[in-house]
Amino acid sequence: MPALRKDIWSFLYNYAMSHSYHYFQKNFSGSIANKISDVSRSVDEFLTNVAELFITKVISIAIAIVSMYFVNPLFCSCSIYLGGYFLDCIN
């Protein structure tokens, strides 16, 4: 994800440069640079963590559905239908 980090850093750098002279007088340049660096690093870590958690959950559910199908296909079909129904009711 270095390209994503670079794009975020570039966007935030351009955004910071669009501020007035007064903004840079009020805030230290090192503080601004650290905030830009922290945001780009944090977004990268956030997306990595979310992707890992999402992928593991999807794979776990897929394995459970396949296992349930081999045990009892009718029960698997009913469970998927009821699961979808309850998810629809929640939203």
PDB file of N, CA and C in Angstrom:
ATOM      1  N   MET A   1       0.787  -1.194   0.000  1.00  0.00           N
ATOM      2  CA  MET A   1       0.000   0.000   0.000  1.00  0.00           C
ATOM      3  C   MET A   1       0.839   1.272   0.000  1.00  0.00           C
ATOM      4  N   PRO A   2       2.078   1.205  -0.415  1.00  0.00           N
ATOM      5  CA  PRO A   2       2.863   2.437  -0.470  1.00  0.00           C
ATOM      6  C   PRO A   2       2.274   3.476  -1.420  1.00  0.00           C
ATOM      7  N   ALA A   3       1.621   3.040  -2.487  1.00  0.00           N
ATOM      8  CA  ALA A   3       1.030   3.999  -3.420  1.00  0.00           C
ATOM      9  C   ALA A   3      -0.116   4.748  -2.753  1.00  0.00           C
ATOM     10  N   LEU A   4      -0.919   4.054  -1.967  1.00  0.00           N
ATOM     11  CA  LEU A   4      -2.011   4.704  -1.248  1.00  0.00           C
ATOM     12  C   LEU A   4      -1.459   5.709  -0.246  1.00  0.00           C
ATOM     13  N   ARG A   5      -0.437   5.310   0.486  1.00  0.00           N
ATOM     14  CA  ARG A   5       0.180   6.214   1.458  1.00  0.00           C
ATOM     15  C   ARG A   5       0.738   7.449   0.758  1.00  0.00           C
ATOM     16  N   LYS A   6       1.354   7.255  -0.396  1.00  0.00           N
ATOM     17  CA  LYS A   6       1.906   8.380  -1.154  1.00  0.00           C
ATOM     18  C   LYS A   6       0.792   9.311  -1.633  1.00  0.00           C
ATOM     19  N   ASP A   7      -0.314   8.736  -2.107  1.00  0.00           N
ATOM     20  CA  ASP A   7      -1.439   9.556  -2.579  1.00  0.00           C
ATOM     21  C   ASP A   7      -2.048  10.366  -1.438  1.00  0.00           C
ATOM     22  N   ILE A   8      -2.218   9.749  -0.280  1.00  0.00           N
ATOM     23  CA  ILE A   8      -2.770  10.466   0.867  1.00  0.00           C
ATOM     24  C   ILE A   8      -1.827  11.568   1.305  1.00  0.00           C
ATOM     25  N   TRP A   9      -0.539  11.255   1.374  1.00  0.00           N
ATOM     26  CA  TRP A   9       0.445  12.252   1.772  1.00  0.00           C
ATOM     27  C   TRP A   9       0.438  13.420   0.798  1.00  0.00           C
ATOM     28  N   SER A  10       0.384  13.116  -0.485  1.00  0.00           N
ATOM     29  CA  SER A  10       0.374  14.169  -1.504  1.00  0.00           C
ATOM     30  C   SER A  10      -0.879  15.040  -1.395  1.00  0.00           C
ATOM     31  N   PHE A  11      -2.043  14.409  -1.198  1.00  0.00           N
ATOM     32  CA  PHE A  11      -3.285  15.171  -1.062  1.00  0.00           C
ATOM     33  C   PHE A  11      -3.239  16.083   0.155  1.00  0.00           C
ATOM     34  N   LEU A  12      -2.797  15.549   1.297  1.00  0.00           N
ATOM     35  CA  LEU A  12      -2.753  16.357   2.512  1.00  0.00           C
ATOM     36  C   LEU A  12      -1.700  17.458   2.426  1.00  0.00           C
ATOM     37  N   TYR A  13      -0.590  17.178   1.762  1.00  0.00           N
ATOM     38  CA  TYR A  13       0.442  18.206   1.566  1.00  0.00           C
ATOM     39  C   TYR A  13      -0.117  19.354   0.727  1.00  0.00           C
ATOM     40  N   ASN A  14      -0.788  19.029  -0.361  1.00  0.00           N
ATOM     41  CA  ASN A  14      -1.384  20.082  -1.207  1.00  0.00           C
ATOM     42  C   ASN A  14      -2.460  20.848  -0.453  1.00  0.00           C
ATOM     43  N   TYR A  15      -3.225  20.141   0.378  1.00  0.00           N
ATOM     44  CA  TYR A  15      -4.252  20.807   1.183  1.00  0.00           C
ATOM     45  C   TYR A  15      -3.611  21.774   2.179  1.00  0.00           C
ATOM     46  N   ALA A  16      -2.532  21.331   2.820  1.00  0.00           N
ATOM     47  CA  ALA A  16      -1.852  22.204   3.786  1.00  0.00           C
ATOM     48  C   ALA A  16      -1.237  23.413   3.098  1.00  0.00           C
ATOM     49  N   MET A  17      -0.727  23.215   1.897  1.00  0.00           N
ATOM     50  CA  MET A  17      -0.098  24.338   1.175  1.00  0.00           C
ATOM     51  C   MET A  17      -1.120  25.364   0.698  1.00  0.00           C
ATOM     52  N   SER A  18      -2.380  24.995   0.662  1.00  0.00           N
ATOM     53  CA  SER A  18      -3.402  25.947   0.226  1.00  0.00           C
ATOM     54  C   SER A  18      -3.823  26.901   1.346  1.00  0.00           C
ATOM     55  N   HIS A  19      -3.321  26.664   2.556  1.00  0.00           N
ATOM     56  CA  HIS A  19      -3.662  27.542   3.674  1.00  0.00           C
ATOM     57  C   HIS A  19      -2.906  28.867   3.591  1.00  0.00           C
ATOM     58  N   SER A  20      -3.380  29.816   4.366  1.00  0.00           N
ATOM     59  CA  SER A  20      -2.788  31.152   4.348  1.00  0.00           C
ATOM     60  C   SER A  20      -1.491  31.193   5.153  1.00  0.00           C
ATOM     61  N   TYR A  21      -0.807  32.309   5.025  1.00  0.00           N
ATOM     62  CA  TYR A  21       0.433  32.552   5.748  1.00  0.00           C
ATOM     63  C   TYR A  21       0.171  32.534   7.252  1.00  0.00           C
ATOM     64  N   HIS A  22      -0.969  33.045   7.667  1.00  0.00           N
ATOM     65  CA  HIS A  22      -1.326  33.095   9.089  1.00  0.00           C
ATOM     66  C   HIS A  22      -1.407  31.691   9.693  1.00  0.00           C
ATOM     67  N   TYR A  23      -1.897  30.726   8.932  1.00  0.00           N
ATOM     68  CA  TYR A  23      -1.989  29.343   9.401  1.00  0.00           C
ATOM     69  C   TYR A  23      -0.614  28.799   9.749  1.00  0.00           C
ATOM     70  N   PHE A  24       0.374  29.095   8.928  1.00  0.00           N
ATOM     71  CA  PHE A  24       1.727  28.594   9.165  1.00  0.00           C
ATOM     72  C   PHE A  24       2.422  29.356  10.284  1.00  0.00           C
ATOM     73  N   GLN A  25       1.999  30.576  10.540  1.00  0.00           N
ATOM     74  CA  GLN A  25       2.535  31.318  11.670  1.00  0.00           C
ATOM     75  C   GLN A  25       1.987  30.770  12.990  1.00  0.00           C
ATOM     76  N   LYS A  26       0.750  30.315  12.962  1.00  0.00           N
ATOM     77  CA  LYS A  26       0.082  29.818  14.157  1.00  0.00           C
ATOM     78  C   LYS A  26       0.486  28.372  14.481  1.00  0.00           C
ATOM     79  N   ASN A  27       0.801  27.577  13.490  1.00  0.00           N
ATOM     80  CA  ASN A  27       1.155  26.158  13.672  1.00  0.00           C
ATOM     81  C   ASN A  27       2.593  25.915  13.226  1.00  0.00           C
ATOM     82  N   PHE A  28       3.289  25.106  14.005  1.00  0.00           N
ATOM     83  CA  PHE A  28       4.663  24.770  13.651  1.00  0.00           C
ATOM     84  C   PHE A  28       4.684  23.848  12.440  1.00  0.00           C
ATOM     85  N   SER A  29       5.662  24.041  11.588  1.00  0.00           N
ATOM     86  CA  SER A  29       5.737  23.220  10.372  1.00  0.00           C
ATOM     87  C   SER A  29       6.001  21.754  10.704  1.00  0.00           C
ATOM     88  N   GLY A  30       6.771  21.473  11.737  1.00  0.00           N
ATOM     89  CA  GLY A  30       7.023  20.092  12.139  1.00  0.00           C
ATOM     90  C   GLY A  30       5.757  19.407  12.625  1.00  0.00           C
ATOM     91  N   SER A  31       4.909  20.163  13.306  1.00  0.00           N
ATOM     92  CA  SER A  31       3.640  19.611  13.775  1.00  0.00           C
ATOM     93  C   SER A  31       2.739  19.257  12.594  1.00  0.00           C
ATOM     94  N   ILE A  32       2.701  20.131  11.611  1.00  0.00           N
ATOM     95  CA  ILE A  32       1.890  19.874  10.413  1.00  0.00           C
ATOM     96  C   ILE A  32       2.420  18.652   9.671  1.00  0.00           C
ATOM     97  N   ALA A  33       3.732  18.566   9.520  1.00  0.00           N
ATOM     98  CA  ALA A  33       4.342  17.430   8.819  1.00  0.00           C
ATOM     99  C   ALA A  33       4.077  16.121   9.568  1.00  0.00           C
ATOM    100  N   ASN A  34       4.144  16.150  10.898  1.00  0.00           N
ATOM    101  CA  ASN A  34       3.865  14.940  11.682  1.00  0.00           C
ATOM    102  C   ASN A  34       2.419  14.504  11.546  1.00  0.00           C
ATOM    103  N   LYS A  35       1.500  15.467  11.523  1.00  0.00           N
ATOM    104  CA  LYS A  35       0.086  15.123  11.360  1.00  0.00           C
ATOM    105  C   LYS A  35      -0.162  14.487   9.999  1.00  0.00           C
ATOM    106  N   ILE A  36       0.454  15.019   8.968  1.00  0.00           N
ATOM    107  CA  ILE A  36       0.300  14.451   7.625  1.00  0.00           C
ATOM    108  C   ILE A  36       0.853  13.031   7.585  1.00  0.00           C
ATOM    109  N   SER A  37       2.006  12.845   8.172  1.00  0.00           N
ATOM    110  CA  SER A  37       2.620  11.518   8.197  1.00  0.00           C
ATOM    111  C   SER A  37       1.782  10.530   9.013  1.00  0.00           C
ATOM    112  N   ASP A  38       1.271  10.984  10.159  1.00  0.00           N
ATOM    113  CA  ASP A  38       0.452  10.111  11.003  1.00  0.00           C
ATOM    114  C   ASP A  38      -0.827   9.677  10.295  1.00  0.00           C
ATOM    115  N   VAL A  39      -1.485  10.599   9.601  1.00  0.00           N
ATOM    116  CA  VAL A  39      -2.724  10.258   8.903  1.00  0.00           C
ATOM    117  C   VAL A  39      -2.456   9.248   7.798  1.00  0.00           C
ATOM    118  N   SER A  40      -1.413   9.470   7.014  1.00  0.00           N
ATOM    119  CA  SER A  40      -1.134   8.537   5.916  1.00  0.00           C
ATOM    120  C   SER A  40      -0.787   7.150   6.447  1.00  0.00           C
ATOM    121  N   ARG A  41      -0.056   7.084   7.540  1.00  0.00           N
ATOM    122  CA  ARG A  41       0.300   5.792   8.130  1.00  0.00           C
ATOM    123  C   ARG A  41      -0.925   5.128   8.765  1.00  0.00           C
ATOM    124  N   SER A  42      -1.756   5.917   9.432  1.00  0.00           N
ATOM    125  CA  SER A  42      -2.930   5.368  10.111  1.00  0.00           C
ATOM    126  C   SER A  42      -3.960   4.825   9.134  1.00  0.00           C
ATOM    127  N   VAL A  43      -4.179   5.517   8.019  1.00  0.00           N
ATOM    128  CA  VAL A  43      -5.129   5.029   7.021  1.00  0.00           C
ATOM    129  C   VAL A  43      -4.653   3.710   6.441  1.00  0.00           C
ATOM    130  N   ASP A  44      -3.369   3.610   6.188  1.00  0.00           N
ATOM    131  CA  ASP A  44      -2.791   2.373   5.667  1.00  0.00           C
ATOM    132  C   ASP A  44      -2.995   1.223   6.659  1.00  0.00           C
ATOM    133  N   GLU A  45      -2.717   1.462   7.934  1.00  0.00           N
ATOM    134  CA  GLU A  45      -2.903   0.434   8.955  1.00  0.00           C
ATOM    135  C   GLU A  45      -4.378   0.078   9.123  1.00  0.00           C
ATOM    136  N   PHE A  46      -5.247   1.077   9.091  1.00  0.00           N
ATOM    137  CA  PHE A  46      -6.676   0.840   9.238  1.00  0.00           C
ATOM    138  C   PHE A  46      -7.207  -0.054   8.124  1.00  0.00           C
ATOM    139  N   LEU A  47      -6.876   0.268   6.898  1.00  0.00           N
ATOM    140  CA  LEU A  47      -7.353  -0.534   5.765  1.00  0.00           C
ATOM    141  C   LEU A  47      -6.789  -1.949   5.795  1.00  0.00           C
ATOM    142  N   THR A  48      -5.554  -2.089   6.214  1.00  0.00           N
ATOM    143  CA  THR A  48      -4.955  -3.420   6.329  1.00  0.00           C
ATOM    144  C   THR A  48      -5.683  -4.242   7.388  1.00  0.00           C
ATOM    145  N   ASN A  49      -5.949  -3.644   8.542  1.00  0.00           N
ATOM    146  CA  ASN A  49      -6.649  -4.368   9.613  1.00  0.00           C
ATOM    147  C   ASN A  49      -8.064  -4.731   9.215  1.00  0.00           C
ATOM    148  N   VAL A  50      -8.781  -3.810   8.591  1.00  0.00           N
ATOM    149  CA  VAL A  50     -10.152  -4.089   8.171  1.00  0.00           C
ATOM    150  C   VAL A  50     -10.173  -5.194   7.123  1.00  0.00           C
ATOM    151  N   ALA A  51      -9.264  -5.130   6.174  1.00  0.00           N
ATOM    152  CA  ALA A  51      -9.222  -6.159   5.127  1.00  0.00           C
ATOM    153  C   ALA A  51      -8.932  -7.532   5.730  1.00  0.00           C
ATOM    154  N   GLU A  52      -7.984  -7.593   6.656  1.00  0.00           N
ATOM    155  CA  GLU A  52      -7.662  -8.880   7.274  1.00  0.00           C
ATOM    156  C   GLU A  52      -8.847  -9.433   8.058  1.00  0.00           C
ATOM    157  N   LEU A  53      -9.505  -8.586   8.832  1.00  0.00           N
ATOM    158  CA  LEU A  53     -10.659  -9.053   9.615  1.00  0.00           C
ATOM    159  C   LEU A  53     -11.802  -9.471   8.704  1.00  0.00           C
ATOM    160  N   PHE A  54     -12.065  -8.705   7.669  1.00  0.00           N
ATOM    161  CA  PHE A  54     -13.166  -9.009   6.755  1.00  0.00           C
ATOM    162  C   PHE A  54     -12.908 -10.310   6.010  1.00  0.00           C
ATOM    163  N   ILE A  55     -11.703 -10.467   5.510  1.00  0.00           N
ATOM    164  CA  ILE A  55     -11.378 -11.671   4.741  1.00  0.00           C
ATOM    165  C   ILE A  55     -11.465 -12.912   5.621  1.00  0.00           C
ATOM    166  N   THR A  56     -10.980 -12.841   6.846  1.00  0.00           N
ATOM    167  CA  THR A  56     -11.052 -14.013   7.724  1.00  0.00           C
ATOM    168  C   THR A  56     -12.497 -14.359   8.055  1.00  0.00           C
ATOM    169  N   LYS A  57     -13.339 -13.352   8.265  1.00  0.00           N
ATOM    170  CA  LYS A  57     -14.752 -13.624   8.562  1.00  0.00           C
ATOM    171  C   LYS A  57     -15.449 -14.252   7.360  1.00  0.00           C
ATOM    172  N   VAL A  58     -15.195 -13.746   6.169  1.00  0.00           N
ATOM    173  CA  VAL A  58     -15.836 -14.283   4.963  1.00  0.00           C
ATOM    174  C   VAL A  58     -15.396 -15.724   4.725  1.00  0.00           C
ATOM    175  N   ILE A  59     -14.114 -15.996   4.880  1.00  0.00           N
ATOM    176  CA  ILE A  59     -13.621 -17.361   4.685  1.00  0.00           C
ATOM    177  C   ILE A  59     -14.217 -18.296   5.736  1.00  0.00           C
ATOM    178  N   SER A  60     -14.321 -17.837   6.983  1.00  0.00           N
ATOM    179  CA  SER A  60     -14.905 -18.659   8.043  1.00  0.00           C
ATOM    180  C   SER A  60     -16.361 -18.986   7.746  1.00  0.00           C
ATOM    181  N   ILE A  61     -17.118 -17.995   7.311  1.00  0.00           N
ATOM    182  CA  ILE A  61     -18.526 -18.224   6.982  1.00  0.00           C
ATOM    183  C   ILE A  61     -18.654 -19.172   5.791  1.00  0.00           C
ATOM    184  N   ALA A  62     -17.812 -19.010   4.785  1.00  0.00           N
ATOM    185  CA  ALA A  62     -17.865 -19.890   3.617  1.00  0.00           C
ATOM    186  C   ALA A  62     -17.559 -21.334   4.006  1.00  0.00           C
ATOM    187  N   ILE A  63     -16.562 -21.533   4.846  1.00  0.00           N
ATOM    188  CA  ILE A  63     -16.229 -22.892   5.298  1.00  0.00           C
ATOM    189  C   ILE A  63     -17.380 -23.486   6.099  1.00  0.00           C
ATOM    190  N   ALA A  64     -18.005 -22.672   6.952  1.00  0.00           N
ATOM    191  CA  ALA A  64     -19.137 -23.164   7.750  1.00  0.00           C
ATOM    192  C   ALA A  64     -20.308 -23.554   6.858  1.00  0.00           C
ATOM    193  N   ILE A  65     -20.583 -22.755   5.828  1.00  0.00           N
ATOM    194  CA  ILE A  65     -21.698 -23.062   4.916  1.00  0.00           C
ATOM    195  C   ILE A  65     -21.423 -24.343   4.140  1.00  0.00           C
ATOM    196  N   VAL A  66     -20.217 -24.495   3.649  1.00  0.00           N
ATOM    197  CA  VAL A  66     -19.871 -25.705   2.891  1.00  0.00           C
ATOM    198  C   VAL A  66     -19.946 -26.937   3.802  1.00  0.00           C
ATOM    199  N   SER A  67     -19.414 -26.819   5.011  1.00  0.00           N
ATOM    200  CA  SER A  67     -19.471 -27.945   5.953  1.00  0.00           C
ATOM    201  C   SER A  67     -20.915 -28.304   6.289  1.00  0.00           C
ATOM    202  N   MET A  68     -21.733 -27.271   6.510  1.00  0.00           N
ATOM    203  CA  MET A  68     -23.134 -27.516   6.837  1.00  0.00           C
ATOM    204  C   MET A  68     -23.860 -28.156   5.650  1.00  0.00           C
ATOM    205  N   TYR A  69     -23.495 -27.772   4.440  1.00  0.00           N
ATOM    206  CA  TYR A  69     -24.127 -28.354   3.250  1.00  0.00           C
ATOM    207  C   TYR A  69     -23.831 -29.850   3.148  1.00  0.00           C
ATOM    208  N   PHE A  70     -22.588 -30.226   3.468  1.00  0.00           N
ATOM    209  CA  PHE A  70     -22.237 -31.644   3.383  1.00  0.00           C
ATOM    210  C   PHE A  70     -22.918 -32.465   4.473  1.00  0.00           C
ATOM    211  N   VAL A  71     -23.227 -31.853   5.603  1.00  0.00           N
ATOM    212  CA  VAL A  71     -23.912 -32.578   6.675  1.00  0.00           C
ATOM    213  C   VAL A  71     -25.390 -32.722   6.350  1.00  0.00           C
ATOM    214  N   ASN A  72     -26.043 -31.578   5.991  1.00  0.00           N
ATOM    215  CA  ASN A  72     -27.470 -31.619   5.692  1.00  0.00           C
ATOM    216  C   ASN A  72     -27.812 -30.434   4.773  1.00  0.00           C
ATOM    217  N   PRO A  73     -27.975 -30.699   3.472  1.00  0.00           N
ATOM    218  CA  PRO A  73     -28.222 -29.608   2.526  1.00  0.00           C
ATOM    219  C   PRO A  73     -29.504 -28.818   2.816  1.00  0.00           C
ATOM    220  N   LEU A  74     -30.548 -29.490   3.271  1.00  0.00           N
ATOM    221  CA  LEU A  74     -31.800 -28.798   3.567  1.00  0.00           C
ATOM    222  C   LEU A  74     -31.626 -27.837   4.738  1.00  0.00           C
ATOM    223  N   PHE A  75     -30.964 -28.302   5.780  1.00  0.00           N
ATOM    224  CA  PHE A  75     -30.714 -27.447   6.940  1.00  0.00           C
ATOM    225  C   PHE A  75     -29.843 -26.246   6.546  1.00  0.00           C
ATOM    226  N   CYS A  76     -28.863 -26.479   5.685  1.00  0.00           N
ATOM    227  CA  CYS A  76     -27.985 -25.399   5.211  1.00  0.00           C
ATOM    228  C   CYS A  76     -28.794 -24.356   4.455  1.00  0.00           C
ATOM    229  N   SER A  77     -29.655 -24.815   3.545  1.00  0.00           N
ATOM    230  CA  SER A  77     -30.478 -23.888   2.767  1.00  0.00           C
ATOM    231  C   SER A  77     -31.402 -23.076   3.670  1.00  0.00           C
ATOM    232  N   CYS A  78     -32.034 -23.735   4.629  1.00  0.00           N
ATOM    233  CA  CYS A  78     -32.929 -23.032   5.570  1.00  0.00           C
ATOM    234  C   CYS A  78     -32.149 -22.036   6.414  1.00  0.00           C
ATOM    235  N   SER A  79     -30.967 -22.411   6.853  1.00  0.00           N
ATOM    236  CA  SER A  79     -30.155 -21.514   7.676  1.00  0.00           C
ATOM    237  C   SER A  79     -29.735 -20.277   6.891  1.00  0.00           C
ATOM    238  N   ILE A  80     -29.336 -20.459   5.636  1.00  0.00           N
ATOM    239  CA  ILE A  80     -28.943 -19.315   4.807  1.00  0.00           C
ATOM    240  C   ILE A  80     -30.142 -18.406   4.572  1.00  0.00           C
ATOM    241  N   TYR A  81     -31.297 -19.001   4.294  1.00  0.00           N
ATOM    242  CA  TYR A  81     -32.511 -18.208   4.068  1.00  0.00           C
ATOM    243  C   TYR A  81     -32.891 -17.412   5.315  1.00  0.00           C
ATOM    244  N   LEU A  82     -32.900 -18.073   6.471  1.00  0.00           N
ATOM    245  CA  LEU A  82     -33.260 -17.385   7.711  1.00  0.00           C
ATOM    246  C   LEU A  82     -32.216 -16.341   8.107  1.00  0.00           C
ATOM    247  N   GLY A  83     -30.966 -16.639   7.860  1.00  0.00           N
ATOM    248  CA  GLY A  83     -29.915 -15.658   8.132  1.00  0.00           C
ATOM    249  C   GLY A  83     -30.087 -14.412   7.295  1.00  0.00           C
ATOM    250  N   GLY A  84     -30.378 -14.601   6.015  1.00  0.00           N
ATOM    251  CA  GLY A  84     -30.635 -13.452   5.146  1.00  0.00           C
ATOM    252  C   GLY A  84     -31.868 -12.684   5.561  1.00  0.00           C
ATOM    253  N   TYR A  85     -32.887 -13.399   5.998  1.00  0.00           N
ATOM    254  CA  TYR A  85     -34.130 -12.756   6.452  1.00  0.00           C
ATOM    255  C   TYR A  85     -33.854 -11.899   7.691  1.00  0.00           C
ATOM    256  N   PHE A  86     -33.122 -12.447   8.663  1.00  0.00           N
ATOM    257  CA  PHE A  86     -32.843 -11.691   9.876  1.00  0.00           C
ATOM    258  C   PHE A  86     -31.925 -10.515   9.609  1.00  0.00           C
ATOM    259  N   LEU A  87     -30.975 -10.673   8.705  1.00  0.00           N
ATOM    260  CA  LEU A  87     -30.122  -9.539   8.347  1.00  0.00           C
ATOM    261  C   LEU A  87     -30.932  -8.440   7.671  1.00  0.00           C
ATOM    262  N   ASP A  88     -31.907  -8.849   6.864  1.00  0.00           N
ATOM    263  CA  ASP A  88     -32.778  -7.869   6.211  1.00  0.00           C
ATOM    264  C   ASP A  88     -33.648  -7.141   7.238  1.00  0.00           C
ATOM    265  N   CYS A  89     -34.094  -7.859   8.266  1.00  0.00           N
ATOM    266  CA  CYS A  89     -34.911  -7.231   9.306  1.00  0.00           C
ATOM    267  C   CYS A  89     -34.096  -6.240  10.140  1.00  0.00           C
ATOM    268  N   ILE A  90     -32.830  -6.510  10.336  1.00  0.00           N
ATOM    269  CA  ILE A  90     -31.983  -5.609  11.130  1.00  0.00           C
ATOM    270  C   ILE A  90     -31.801  -4.286  10.396  1.00  0.00           C
ATOM    271  N   ASN A  91     -31.603  -4.351   9.109  1.00  0.00           N
ATOM    272  CA  ASN A  91     -31.383  -3.128   8.331  1.00  0.00           C
ATOM    273  C   ASN A  91     -32.713  -2.505   8.049  1.00  0.00           C
TER     274      ASN A  91
END
